[in-house]
Amino acid sequence: MPNARQPLFLARQSYRRRRMMDAARLLPVLGSVLFMMPVLWRPAETPLADTGPGAVYLFAIWALLIGSAVVLGPALAPPVVDEGGGGGPSAEEG
């Protein structure tokens, strides 16, 4: 009887970290697509340019991208490792 293959187990923390890395990689692509959306909008029926809603949209997307980067940033930071071991003041600081 052949060995039954064990299901691939990924640690929950590393799986979430990889998905956050994927989201961070897709953020510029999503931003580029969203920034190009006003080009596809149909112009208003007036001969004047309709820039007001487009400008509000661009600044809103810009703020959304900044907020997304702020949320993703700390999740992608390397874990802090305490190398001191003790946590209290050392013996040299007496």
PDB file of N, CA and C in Angstrom:
ATOM      1  N   MET A   1       0.851  -1.171   0.000  1.00  0.00           N
ATOM      2  CA  MET A   1       0.000   0.000   0.000  1.00  0.00           C
ATOM      3  C   MET A   1       0.895   1.231   0.000  1.00  0.00           C
ATOM      4  N   PRO A   2       0.685   2.155  -0.938  1.00  0.00           N
ATOM      5  CA  PRO A   2       1.536   3.349  -0.970  1.00  0.00           C
ATOM      6  C   PRO A   2       1.272   4.251   0.221  1.00  0.00           C
ATOM      7  N   ASN A   3       2.291   5.002   0.561  1.00  0.00           N
ATOM      8  CA  ASN A   3       2.145   5.943   1.679  1.00  0.00           C
ATOM      9  C   ASN A   3       1.075   6.979   1.352  1.00  0.00           C
ATOM     10  N   ALA A   4       0.194   7.156   2.298  1.00  0.00           N
ATOM     11  CA  ALA A   4      -0.830   8.188   2.119  1.00  0.00           C
ATOM     12  C   ALA A   4      -0.151   9.542   2.273  1.00  0.00           C
ATOM     13  N   ARG A   5      -0.381  10.408   1.335  1.00  0.00           N
ATOM     14  CA  ARG A   5       0.251  11.724   1.401  1.00  0.00           C
ATOM     15  C   ARG A   5      -0.400  12.542   2.502  1.00  0.00           C
ATOM     16  N   GLN A   6       0.435  13.093   3.317  1.00  0.00           N
ATOM     17  CA  GLN A   6      -0.040  13.973   4.371  1.00  0.00           C
ATOM     18  C   GLN A   6      -0.444  15.304   3.743  1.00  0.00           C
ATOM     19  N   PRO A   7      -1.521  15.893   4.202  1.00  0.00           N
ATOM     20  CA  PRO A   7      -1.863  17.216   3.669  1.00  0.00           C
ATOM     21  C   PRO A   7      -0.796  18.227   4.067  1.00  0.00           C
ATOM     22  N   LEU A   8      -0.544  19.131   3.167  1.00  0.00           N
ATOM     23  CA  LEU A   8       0.449  20.166   3.427  1.00  0.00           C
ATOM     24  C   LEU A   8      -0.075  21.098   4.506  1.00  0.00           C
ATOM     25  N   PHE A   9       0.650  21.175   5.602  1.00  0.00           N
ATOM     26  CA  PHE A   9       0.228  22.023   6.710  1.00  0.00           C
ATOM     27  C   PHE A   9       1.081  23.270   6.714  1.00  0.00           C
ATOM     28  N   LEU A  10       0.440  24.402   6.665  1.00  0.00           N
ATOM     29  CA  LEU A  10       1.137  25.672   6.782  1.00  0.00           C
ATOM     30  C   LEU A  10       0.761  26.310   8.108  1.00  0.00           C
ATOM     31  N   ALA A  11       1.749  26.771   8.797  1.00  0.00           N
ATOM     32  CA  ALA A  11       1.477  27.440  10.066  1.00  0.00           C
ATOM     33  C   ALA A  11       0.599  28.656   9.810  1.00  0.00           C
ATOM     34  N   ARG A  12      -0.332  28.883  10.685  1.00  0.00           N
ATOM     35  CA  ARG A  12      -1.292  29.957  10.492  1.00  0.00           C
ATOM     36  C   ARG A  12      -0.616  31.320  10.375  1.00  0.00           C
ATOM     37  N   GLN A  13       0.393  31.558  11.191  1.00  0.00           N
ATOM     38  CA  GLN A  13       1.067  32.854  11.183  1.00  0.00           C
ATOM     39  C   GLN A  13       1.806  33.079   9.861  1.00  0.00           C
ATOM     40  N   SER A  14       2.516  32.073   9.372  1.00  0.00           N
ATOM     41  CA  SER A  14       3.248  32.256   8.117  1.00  0.00           C
ATOM     42  C   SER A  14       2.282  32.348   6.939  1.00  0.00           C
ATOM     43  N   TYR A  15       1.157  31.642   7.000  1.00  0.00           N
ATOM     44  CA  TYR A  15       0.159  31.724   5.931  1.00  0.00           C
ATOM     45  C   TYR A  15      -0.416  33.135   5.852  1.00  0.00           C
ATOM     46  N   ARG A  16      -0.764  33.702   7.002  1.00  0.00           N
ATOM     47  CA  ARG A  16      -1.299  35.063   7.021  1.00  0.00           C
ATOM     48  C   ARG A  16      -0.259  36.070   6.555  1.00  0.00           C
ATOM     49  N   ARG A  17       0.980  35.861   6.940  1.00  0.00           N
ATOM     50  CA  ARG A  17       2.048  36.771   6.518  1.00  0.00           C
ATOM     51  C   ARG A  17       2.226  36.734   5.002  1.00  0.00           C
ATOM     52  N   ARG A  18       2.153  35.541   4.430  1.00  0.00           N
ATOM     53  CA  ARG A  18       2.281  35.425   2.972  1.00  0.00           C
ATOM     54  C   ARG A  18       1.112  36.088   2.259  1.00  0.00           C
ATOM     55  N   ARG A  19      -0.087  35.957   2.808  1.00  0.00           N
ATOM     56  CA  ARG A  19      -1.243  36.612   2.176  1.00  0.00           C
ATOM     57  C   ARG A  19      -1.139  38.126   2.287  1.00  0.00           C
ATOM     58  N   MET A  20      -0.586  38.631   3.397  1.00  0.00           N
ATOM     59  CA  MET A  20      -0.365  40.066   3.537  1.00  0.00           C
ATOM     60  C   MET A  20       0.678  40.532   2.527  1.00  0.00           C
ATOM     61  N   MET A  21       1.713  39.732   2.297  1.00  0.00           N
ATOM     62  CA  MET A  21       2.721  40.076   1.312  1.00  0.00           C
ATOM     63  C   MET A  21       2.098  40.110  -0.086  1.00  0.00           C
ATOM     64  N   ASP A  22       1.200  39.170  -0.368  1.00  0.00           N
ATOM     65  CA  ASP A  22       0.502  39.172  -1.656  1.00  0.00           C
ATOM     66  C   ASP A  22      -0.349  40.427  -1.807  1.00  0.00           C
ATOM     67  N   ALA A  23      -1.038  40.810  -0.753  1.00  0.00           N
ATOM     68  CA  ALA A  23      -1.871  42.015  -0.800  1.00  0.00           C
ATOM     69  C   ALA A  23      -1.007  43.250  -1.018  1.00  0.00           C
ATOM     70  N   ALA A  24       0.161  43.292  -0.387  1.00  0.00           N
ATOM     71  CA  ALA A  24       1.061  44.437  -0.556  1.00  0.00           C
ATOM     72  C   ALA A  24       1.597  44.497  -1.983  1.00  0.00           C
ATOM     73  N   ARG A  25       1.815  43.348  -2.590  1.00  0.00           N
ATOM     74  CA  ARG A  25       2.282  43.331  -3.978  1.00  0.00           C
ATOM     75  C   ARG A  25       1.187  43.773  -4.948  1.00  0.00           C
ATOM     76  N   LEU A  26      -0.051  43.484  -4.630  1.00  0.00           N
ATOM     77  CA  LEU A  26      -1.158  43.855  -5.511  1.00  0.00           C
ATOM     78  C   LEU A  26      -1.615  45.300  -5.321  1.00  0.00           C
ATOM     79  N   LEU A  27      -1.226  45.928  -4.248  1.00  0.00           N
ATOM     80  CA  LEU A  27      -1.669  47.291  -3.957  1.00  0.00           C
ATOM     81  C   LEU A  27      -1.293  48.289  -5.056  1.00  0.00           C
ATOM     82  N   PRO A  28      -0.066  48.291  -5.586  1.00  0.00           N
ATOM     83  CA  PRO A  28       0.235  49.225  -6.679  1.00  0.00           C
ATOM     84  C   PRO A  28      -0.562  48.937  -7.953  1.00  0.00           C
ATOM     85  N   VAL A  29      -0.798  47.672  -8.238  1.00  0.00           N
ATOM     86  CA  VAL A  29      -1.582  47.315  -9.421  1.00  0.00           C
ATOM     87  C   VAL A  29      -3.019  47.804  -9.258  1.00  0.00           C
ATOM     88  N   LEU A  30      -3.595  47.553  -8.095  1.00  0.00           N
ATOM     89  CA  LEU A  30      -4.952  48.023  -7.825  1.00  0.00           C
ATOM     90  C   LEU A  30      -5.019  49.545  -7.899  1.00  0.00           C
ATOM     91  N   GLY A  31      -4.026  50.220  -7.351  1.00  0.00           N
ATOM     92  CA  GLY A  31      -3.985  51.670  -7.401  1.00  0.00           C
ATOM     93  C   GLY A  31      -3.905  52.189  -8.827  1.00  0.00           C
ATOM     94  N   SER A  32      -3.100  51.543  -9.653  1.00  0.00           N
ATOM     95  CA  SER A  32      -2.992  51.969 -11.052  1.00  0.00           C
ATOM     96  C   SER A  32      -4.319  51.811 -11.786  1.00  0.00           C
ATOM     97  N   VAL A  33      -4.982  50.695 -11.565  1.00  0.00           N
ATOM     98  CA  VAL A  33      -6.281  50.472 -12.213  1.00  0.00           C
ATOM     99  C   VAL A  33      -7.299  51.502 -11.731  1.00  0.00           C
ATOM    100  N   LEU A  34      -7.335  51.751 -10.430  1.00  0.00           N
ATOM    101  CA  LEU A  34      -8.300  52.705  -9.898  1.00  0.00           C
ATOM    102  C   LEU A  34      -7.997  54.137 -10.346  1.00  0.00           C
ATOM    103  N   PHE A  35      -6.707  54.484 -10.505  1.00  0.00           N
ATOM    104  CA  PHE A  35      -6.364  55.819 -10.980  1.00  0.00           C
ATOM    105  C   PHE A  35      -6.741  56.023 -12.439  1.00  0.00           C
ATOM    106  N   MET A  36      -6.813  54.949 -13.201  1.00  0.00           N
ATOM    107  CA  MET A  36      -7.171  55.066 -14.611  1.00  0.00           C
ATOM    108  C   MET A  36      -8.684  55.055 -14.850  1.00  0.00           C
ATOM    109  N   MET A  37      -9.468  54.794 -13.827  1.00  0.00           N
ATOM    110  CA  MET A  37     -10.920  54.732 -13.994  1.00  0.00           C
ATOM    111  C   MET A  37     -11.536  56.039 -14.507  1.00  0.00           C
ATOM    112  N   PRO A  38     -11.102  57.219 -14.076  1.00  0.00           N
ATOM    113  CA  PRO A  38     -11.726  58.438 -14.604  1.00  0.00           C
ATOM    114  C   PRO A  38     -11.587  58.588 -16.119  1.00  0.00           C
ATOM    115  N   VAL A  39     -10.598  57.938 -16.712  1.00  0.00           N
ATOM    116  CA  VAL A  39     -10.442  58.003 -18.161  1.00  0.00           C
ATOM    117  C   VAL A  39     -11.632  57.323 -18.847  1.00  0.00           C
ATOM    118  N   LEU A  40     -12.195  56.331 -18.209  1.00  0.00           N
ATOM    119  CA  LEU A  40     -13.311  55.587 -18.795  1.00  0.00           C
ATOM    120  C   LEU A  40     -14.659  56.246 -18.556  1.00  0.00           C
ATOM    121  N   TRP A  41     -14.713  57.235 -17.689  1.00  0.00           N
ATOM    122  CA  TRP A  41     -15.982  57.888 -17.409  1.00  0.00           C
ATOM    123  C   TRP A  41     -16.461  58.638 -18.635  1.00  0.00           C
ATOM    124  N   ARG A  42     -17.726  58.625 -18.812  1.00  0.00           N
ATOM    125  CA  ARG A  42     -18.312  59.397 -19.909  1.00  0.00           C
ATOM    126  C   ARG A  42     -18.342  60.869 -19.514  1.00  0.00           C
ATOM    127  N   PRO A  43     -18.005  61.747 -20.428  1.00  0.00           N
ATOM    128  CA  PRO A  43     -18.030  63.177 -20.084  1.00  0.00           C
ATOM    129  C   PRO A  43     -19.457  63.667 -19.878  1.00  0.00           C
ATOM    130  N   ALA A  44     -19.571  64.747 -19.169  1.00  0.00           N
ATOM    131  CA  ALA A  44     -20.887  65.345 -18.938  1.00  0.00           C
ATOM    132  C   ALA A  44     -21.433  65.886 -20.250  1.00  0.00           C
ATOM    133  N   GLU A  45     -22.697  66.188 -20.251  1.00  0.00           N
ATOM    134  CA  GLU A  45     -23.326  66.673 -21.478  1.00  0.00           C
ATOM    135  C   GLU A  45     -23.032  68.147 -21.741  1.00  0.00           C
ATOM    136  N   THR A  46     -22.241  68.753 -20.893  1.00  0.00           N
ATOM    137  CA  THR A  46     -21.857  70.155 -21.101  1.00  0.00           C
ATOM    138  C   THR A  46     -20.509  70.193 -21.806  1.00  0.00           C
ATOM    139  N   PRO A  47     -20.225  71.249 -22.536  1.00  0.00           N
ATOM    140  CA  PRO A  47     -18.933  71.327 -23.246  1.00  0.00           C
ATOM    141  C   PRO A  47     -17.752  71.565 -22.304  1.00  0.00           C
ATOM    142  N   LEU A  48     -18.006  72.009 -21.075  1.00  0.00           N
ATOM    143  CA  LEU A  48     -16.924  72.241 -20.120  1.00  0.00           C
ATOM    144  C   LEU A  48     -16.448  70.919 -19.525  1.00  0.00           C
ATOM    145  N   ALA A  49     -15.192  70.893 -19.154  1.00  0.00           N
ATOM    146  CA  ALA A  49     -14.630  69.686 -18.531  1.00  0.00           C
ATOM    147  C   ALA A  49     -15.249  69.485 -17.153  1.00  0.00           C
ATOM    148  N   ASP A  50     -15.540  68.259 -16.829  1.00  0.00           N
ATOM    149  CA  ASP A  50     -16.151  67.913 -15.546  1.00  0.00           C
ATOM    150  C   ASP A  50     -15.061  67.345 -14.637  1.00  0.00           C
ATOM    151  N   THR A  51     -14.234  68.222 -14.072  1.00  0.00           N
ATOM    152  CA  THR A  51     -13.074  67.771 -13.304  1.00  0.00           C
ATOM    153  C   THR A  51     -13.337  67.647 -11.813  1.00  0.00           C
ATOM    154  N   GLY A  52     -14.391  68.238 -11.309  1.00  0.00           N
ATOM    155  CA  GLY A  52     -14.657  68.211  -9.870  1.00  0.00           C
ATOM    156  C   GLY A  52     -14.806  66.811  -9.311  1.00  0.00           C
ATOM    157  N   PRO A  53     -15.752  66.016  -9.831  1.00  0.00           N
ATOM    158  CA  PRO A  53     -15.902  64.655  -9.301  1.00  0.00           C
ATOM    159  C   PRO A  53     -14.660  63.793  -9.532  1.00  0.00           C
ATOM    160  N   GLY A  54     -13.966  64.013 -10.638  1.00  0.00           N
ATOM    161  CA  GLY A  54     -12.750  63.243 -10.900  1.00  0.00           C
ATOM    162  C   GLY A  54     -11.661  63.541  -9.889  1.00  0.00           C
ATOM    163  N   ALA A  55     -11.524  64.811  -9.522  1.00  0.00           N
ATOM    164  CA  ALA A  55     -10.506  65.187  -8.536  1.00  0.00           C
ATOM    165  C   ALA A  55     -10.840  64.612  -7.162  1.00  0.00           C
ATOM    166  N   VAL A  56     -12.106  64.666  -6.788  1.00  0.00           N
ATOM    167  CA  VAL A  56     -12.519  64.087  -5.501  1.00  0.00           C
ATOM    168  C   VAL A  56     -12.253  62.586  -5.500  1.00  0.00           C
ATOM    169  N   TYR A  57     -12.573  61.938  -6.606  1.00  0.00           N
ATOM    170  CA  TYR A  57     -12.344  60.491  -6.732  1.00  0.00           C
ATOM    171  C   TYR A  57     -10.858  60.168  -6.595  1.00  0.00           C
ATOM    172  N   LEU A  58      -9.995  60.912  -7.293  1.00  0.00           N
ATOM    173  CA  LEU A  58      -8.560  60.633  -7.232  1.00  0.00           C
ATOM    174  C   LEU A  58      -7.992  60.827  -5.831  1.00  0.00           C
ATOM    175  N   PHE A  59      -8.421  61.891  -5.144  1.00  0.00           N
ATOM    176  CA  PHE A  59      -7.929  62.099  -3.781  1.00  0.00           C
ATOM    177  C   PHE A  59      -8.473  61.040  -2.824  1.00  0.00           C
ATOM    178  N   ALA A  60      -9.694  60.587  -3.050  1.00  0.00           N
ATOM    179  CA  ALA A  60     -10.255  59.521  -2.202  1.00  0.00           C
ATOM    180  C   ALA A  60      -9.495  58.209  -2.413  1.00  0.00           C
ATOM    181  N   ILE A  61      -9.184  57.888  -3.654  1.00  0.00           N
ATOM    182  CA  ILE A  61      -8.411  56.669  -3.932  1.00  0.00           C
ATOM    183  C   ILE A  61      -7.005  56.795  -3.365  1.00  0.00           C
ATOM    184  N   TRP A  62      -6.433  57.961  -3.486  1.00  0.00           N
ATOM    185  CA  TRP A  62      -5.103  58.203  -2.939  1.00  0.00           C
ATOM    186  C   TRP A  62      -5.102  57.974  -1.425  1.00  0.00           C
ATOM    187  N   ALA A  63      -6.097  58.527  -0.740  1.00  0.00           N
ATOM    188  CA  ALA A  63      -6.204  58.336   0.709  1.00  0.00           C
ATOM    189  C   ALA A  63      -6.453  56.871   1.049  1.00  0.00           C
ATOM    190  N   LEU A  64      -7.259  56.186   0.258  1.00  0.00           N
ATOM    191  CA  LEU A  64      -7.520  54.766   0.487  1.00  0.00           C
ATOM    192  C   LEU A  64      -6.250  53.938   0.332  1.00  0.00           C
ATOM    193  N   LEU A  65      -5.440  54.238  -0.658  1.00  0.00           N
ATOM    194  CA  LEU A  65      -4.181  53.521  -0.849  1.00  0.00           C
ATOM    195  C   LEU A  65      -3.209  53.784   0.299  1.00  0.00           C
ATOM    196  N   ILE A  66      -3.156  55.021   0.774  1.00  0.00           N
ATOM    197  CA  ILE A  66      -2.293  55.334   1.913  1.00  0.00           C
ATOM    198  C   ILE A  66      -2.771  54.581   3.150  1.00  0.00           C
ATOM    199  N   GLY A  67      -4.080  54.575   3.384  1.00  0.00           N
ATOM    200  CA  GLY A  67      -4.629  53.837   4.525  1.00  0.00           C
ATOM    201  C   GLY A  67      -4.354  52.349   4.434  1.00  0.00           C
ATOM    202  N   SER A  68      -4.461  51.797   3.241  1.00  0.00           N
ATOM    203  CA  SER A  68      -4.168  50.371   3.058  1.00  0.00           C
ATOM    204  C   SER A  68      -2.703  50.073   3.341  1.00  0.00           C
ATOM    205  N   ALA A  69      -1.815  50.952   2.901  1.00  0.00           N
ATOM    206  CA  ALA A  69      -0.392  50.756   3.161  1.00  0.00           C
ATOM    207  C   ALA A  69      -0.082  50.860   4.651  1.00  0.00           C
ATOM    208  N   VAL A  70      -0.777  51.766   5.344  1.00  0.00           N
ATOM    209  CA  VAL A  70      -0.582  51.909   6.792  1.00  0.00           C
ATOM    210  C   VAL A  70      -1.033  50.643   7.514  1.00  0.00           C
ATOM    211  N   VAL A  71      -2.115  50.049   7.057  1.00  0.00           N
ATOM    212  CA  VAL A  71      -2.621  48.824   7.688  1.00  0.00           C
ATOM    213  C   VAL A  71      -1.708  47.644   7.378  1.00  0.00           C
ATOM    214  N   LEU A  72      -1.239  47.538   6.140  1.00  0.00           N
ATOM    215  CA  LEU A  72      -0.395  46.410   5.749  1.00  0.00           C
ATOM    216  C   LEU A  72       1.040  46.529   6.268  1.00  0.00           C
ATOM    217  N   GLY A  73       1.520  47.738   6.481  1.00  0.00           N
ATOM    218  CA  GLY A  73       2.912  47.944   6.885  1.00  0.00           C
ATOM    219  C   GLY A  73       3.331  47.211   8.147  1.00  0.00           C
ATOM    220  N   PRO A  74       2.635  47.421   9.265  1.00  0.00           N
ATOM    221  CA  PRO A  74       3.045  46.729  10.489  1.00  0.00           C
ATOM    222  C   PRO A  74       2.927  45.204  10.395  1.00  0.00           C
ATOM    223  N   ALA A  75       2.008  44.723   9.594  1.00  0.00           N
ATOM    224  CA  ALA A  75       1.858  43.277   9.452  1.00  0.00           C
ATOM    225  C   ALA A  75       3.032  42.667   8.695  1.00  0.00           C
ATOM    226  N   LEU A  76       3.727  43.468   7.910  1.00  0.00           N
ATOM    227  CA  LEU A  76       4.854  42.971   7.132  1.00  0.00           C
ATOM    228  C   LEU A  76       6.191  43.197   7.818  1.00  0.00           C
ATOM    229  N   ALA A  77       6.203  43.890   8.933  1.00  0.00           N
ATOM    230  CA  ALA A  77       7.444  44.143   9.659  1.00  0.00           C
ATOM    231  C   ALA A  77       7.977  42.831  10.225  1.00  0.00           C
ATOM    232  N   PRO A  78       9.283  42.693  10.261  1.00  0.00           N
ATOM    233  CA  PRO A  78       9.842  41.468  10.833  1.00  0.00           C
ATOM    234  C   PRO A  78       9.511  41.378  12.318  1.00  0.00           C
ATOM    235  N   PRO A  79       9.317  40.161  12.823  1.00  0.00           N
ATOM    236  CA  PRO A  79       8.989  40.020  14.243  1.00  0.00           C
ATOM    237  C   PRO A  79      10.145  40.481  15.123  1.00  0.00           C
ATOM    238  N   VAL A  80       9.806  41.077  16.246  1.00  0.00           N
ATOM    239  CA  VAL A  80      10.810  41.572  17.182  1.00  0.00           C
ATOM    240  C   VAL A  80      11.280  40.398  18.035  1.00  0.00           C
ATOM    241  N   VAL A  81      12.597  40.223  18.080  1.00  0.00           N
ATOM    242  CA  VAL A  81      13.191  39.145  18.862  1.00  0.00           C
ATOM    243  C   VAL A  81      13.967  39.763  20.004  1.00  0.00           C
ATOM    244  N   ASP A  82      13.634  39.363  21.221  1.00  0.00           N
ATOM    245  CA  ASP A  82      14.327  39.875  22.399  1.00  0.00           C
ATOM    246  C   ASP A  82      15.616  39.089  22.576  1.00  0.00           C
ATOM    247  N   GLU A  83      16.755  39.727  22.312  1.00  0.00           N
ATOM    248  CA  GLU A  83      18.036  39.046  22.432  1.00  0.00           C
ATOM    249  C   GLU A  83      18.656  39.206  23.813  1.00  0.00           C
ATOM    250  N   GLY A  84      18.110  40.141  24.617  1.00  0.00           N
ATOM    251  CA  GLY A  84      18.671  40.383  25.932  1.00  0.00           C
ATOM    252  C   GLY A  84      18.364  39.251  26.904  1.00  0.00           C
ATOM    253  N   GLY A  85      17.245  38.621  26.749  1.00  0.00           N
ATOM    254  CA  GLY A  85      16.899  37.495  27.591  1.00  0.00           C
ATOM    255  C   GLY A  85      16.204  37.903  28.872  1.00  0.00           C
ATOM    256  N   GLY A  86      16.677  38.921  29.564  1.00  0.00           N
ATOM    257  CA  GLY A  86      16.133  39.256  30.873  1.00  0.00           C
ATOM    258  C   GLY A  86      14.976  40.227  30.818  1.00  0.00           C
ATOM    259  N   GLY A  87      15.176  41.325  30.200  1.00  0.00           N
ATOM    260  CA  GLY A  87      14.134  42.331  30.162  1.00  0.00           C
ATOM    261  C   GLY A  87      14.336  43.410  31.210  1.00  0.00           C
ATOM    262  N   GLY A  88      15.075  43.141  32.246  1.00  0.00           N
ATOM    263  CA  GLY A  88      15.362  44.121  33.283  1.00  0.00           C
ATOM    264  C   GLY A  88      16.678  44.821  33.010  1.00  0.00           C
ATOM    265  N   PRO A  89      17.077  45.724  33.905  1.00  0.00           N
ATOM    266  CA  PRO A  89      18.363  46.404  33.710  1.00  0.00           C
ATOM    267  C   PRO A  89      19.508  45.406  33.857  1.00  0.00           C
ATOM    268  N   SER A  90      20.544  45.625  33.077  1.00  0.00           N
ATOM    269  CA  SER A  90      21.675  44.704  33.137  1.00  0.00           C
ATOM    270  C   SER A  90      22.534  44.998  34.359  1.00  0.00           C
ATOM    271  N   ALA A  91      23.441  44.093  34.664  1.00  0.00           N
ATOM    272  CA  ALA A  91      24.299  44.226  35.835  1.00  0.00           C
ATOM    273  C   ALA A  91      25.312  45.344  35.653  1.00  0.00           C
ATOM    274  N   GLU A  92      25.614  45.721  34.393  1.00  0.00           N
ATOM    275  CA  GLU A  92      26.601  46.749  34.125  1.00  0.00           C
ATOM    276  C   GLU A  92      26.074  48.135  34.448  1.00  0.00           C
ATOM    277  N   GLU A  93      24.762  48.288  34.497  1.00  0.00           N
ATOM    278  CA  GLU A  93      24.158  49.603  34.748  1.00  0.00           C
ATOM    279  C   GLU A  93      23.937  49.843  36.237  1.00  0.00           C
ATOM    280  N   GLY A  94      24.767  49.626  37.019  1.00  0.00           N
ATOM    281  CA  GLY A  94      24.536  49.679  38.424  1.00  0.00           C
ATOM    282  C   GLY A  94      24.768  50.915  39.072  1.00  0.00           C
TER     283      GLY A  94
END
